[in-house]
Protein backbone atom coordinates (compact mmCIF):
# COMPACT_ATOMS: atom_id res chain seq x y z
CA UNK A 1 -63.97 -12.65 -37.57
CA UNK A 2 -61.52 -11.47 -34.71
CA UNK A 3 -61.68 -8.52 -32.79
CA UNK A 4 -58.54 -7.44 -33.80
CA UNK A 5 -60.18 -6.73 -37.41
CA UNK A 6 -63.45 -5.39 -36.27
CA UNK A 7 -64.62 -1.84 -37.11
CA UNK A 8 -63.81 0.60 -33.66
CA UNK A 9 -67.69 0.82 -31.78
CA UNK A 10 -69.01 3.97 -31.11
CA UNK A 11 -70.20 4.41 -27.47
CA UNK A 12 -73.43 2.74 -26.99
CA UNK A 13 -77.08 4.82 -27.85
CA UNK A 14 -79.85 3.20 -27.13
CA UNK A 15 -84.15 5.34 -27.41
CA UNK A 16 -86.78 4.44 -24.43
CA UNK A 17 -85.94 2.99 -21.15
CA UNK A 18 -83.26 1.70 -19.46
CA UNK A 19 -82.86 -1.65 -20.50
CA UNK A 20 -83.43 -4.84 -17.77
CA UNK A 21 -80.45 -7.67 -18.57
CA UNK A 22 -78.98 -10.70 -17.77
CA UNK A 23 -75.36 -11.94 -17.47
CA UNK A 24 -74.55 -15.77 -17.22
CA UNK A 25 -71.77 -16.88 -16.39
CA UNK A 26 -69.76 -19.57 -15.12
CA UNK A 27 -66.86 -18.50 -13.44
CA UNK A 28 -64.73 -21.56 -14.06
CA UNK A 29 -61.72 -19.28 -15.09
CA UNK A 30 -63.03 -16.42 -12.51
CA UNK A 31 -60.56 -14.08 -13.86
CA UNK A 32 -60.95 -14.95 -17.61
CA UNK A 33 -65.13 -14.75 -16.79
CA UNK A 34 -64.26 -11.43 -14.48
CA UNK A 35 -62.73 -9.55 -17.35
CA UNK A 36 -65.48 -10.17 -20.06
CA UNK A 37 -68.08 -9.61 -17.46
CA UNK A 38 -66.49 -5.90 -16.20
CA UNK A 39 -65.91 -5.14 -20.11
CA UNK A 40 -70.21 -5.92 -20.60
CA UNK A 41 -70.95 -3.97 -17.90
CA UNK A 42 -69.03 -0.79 -18.49
CA UNK A 43 -70.49 -0.61 -22.15
CA UNK A 44 -74.54 -1.45 -20.50
CA UNK A 45 -73.92 1.08 -18.17
CA UNK A 46 -73.88 3.60 -20.83
CA UNK A 47 -77.16 3.07 -21.41
CA UNK A 48 -77.88 2.69 -17.56
CA UNK A 49 -78.87 -0.75 -18.35
CA UNK A 50 -80.25 -2.68 -14.90
CA UNK A 51 -78.25 -5.60 -15.21
CA UNK A 52 -78.67 -8.53 -12.68
CA UNK A 53 -75.31 -11.26 -13.17
CA UNK A 54 -75.85 -15.29 -12.36
CA UNK A 55 -73.82 -18.10 -12.04
CA UNK A 56 -74.27 -21.16 -13.19
CA UNK A 57 -72.66 -24.31 -13.32
CA UNK A 58 -70.62 -25.31 -16.10
CA UNK A 59 -69.65 -23.35 -19.46
CA UNK A 60 -71.03 -23.11 -22.82
CA UNK A 61 -68.29 -21.96 -25.17
CA UNK A 62 -68.97 -19.91 -28.22
CA UNK A 63 -65.49 -18.82 -28.63
CA UNK A 64 -62.84 -21.44 -27.95
CA UNK A 65 -59.49 -21.20 -27.70
CA UNK A 66 -56.00 -23.29 -27.61
CA UNK A 67 -54.72 -21.95 -24.64
CA UNK A 68 -55.22 -19.67 -21.59
CA UNK A 69 -53.26 -17.16 -22.50
CA UNK A 70 -55.61 -16.34 -25.52
CA UNK A 71 -58.72 -16.42 -23.28
CA UNK A 72 -56.92 -14.01 -21.10
CA UNK A 73 -56.07 -11.49 -23.79
CA UNK A 74 -59.93 -11.40 -24.65
CA UNK A 75 -60.45 -10.46 -21.49
CA UNK A 76 -58.34 -8.00 -20.88
CA UNK A 77 -59.39 -4.12 -20.49
CA UNK A 78 -59.05 -2.85 -23.89
CA UNK A 79 -61.18 -3.50 -27.31
CA UNK A 80 -60.35 -6.60 -27.97
CA UNK A 81 -62.43 -7.66 -24.67
CA UNK A 82 -65.15 -10.46 -25.69
CA UNK A 83 -67.53 -9.20 -23.04
CA UNK A 84 -67.56 -5.59 -24.62
CA UNK A 85 -68.36 -7.43 -28.21
CA UNK A 86 -71.30 -8.90 -26.58
CA UNK A 87 -72.45 -6.53 -24.78
CA UNK A 88 -72.79 -4.32 -27.95
CA UNK A 89 -74.24 -7.11 -30.45
CA UNK A 90 -76.72 -7.02 -27.88
CA UNK A 91 -77.43 -3.72 -27.66
CA UNK A 92 -77.95 -3.74 -31.22
CA UNK A 93 -80.18 -6.27 -31.37
CA UNK A 94 -82.33 -4.42 -28.71
CA UNK A 95 -82.07 -1.13 -30.54
CA UNK A 96 -83.49 -3.53 -33.85
CA UNK A 97 -86.07 -4.78 -32.00
CA UNK A 98 -87.36 -0.93 -30.38
CA UNK A 99 -86.75 0.39 -33.81
CA UNK A 100 -89.19 -2.40 -35.52
CA UNK A 101 -91.62 -3.04 -33.17
CA UNK A 102 -93.05 0.73 -33.14
């Protein structure tokens, strides 16, 4: 499913202590990766997440594109940002774990 078709997300909510999170990035296309990282950091800041970012060599592509313009569109400061989408998914998994671990 594309982000364009996804529902609008509510602001992140997470009960319990602030999570410690690691962002791993391969800054091959610094502008694209930076846009996605910034989007993710914005969402994670809403739950006061303690974020550490590390750079790694190479890249692992989960969401391939045909053209650089498509990647740039997925890293813009809007609701189509894949970093924002990934951060929401991560917080959802943390919330689920916390709920089921009790």
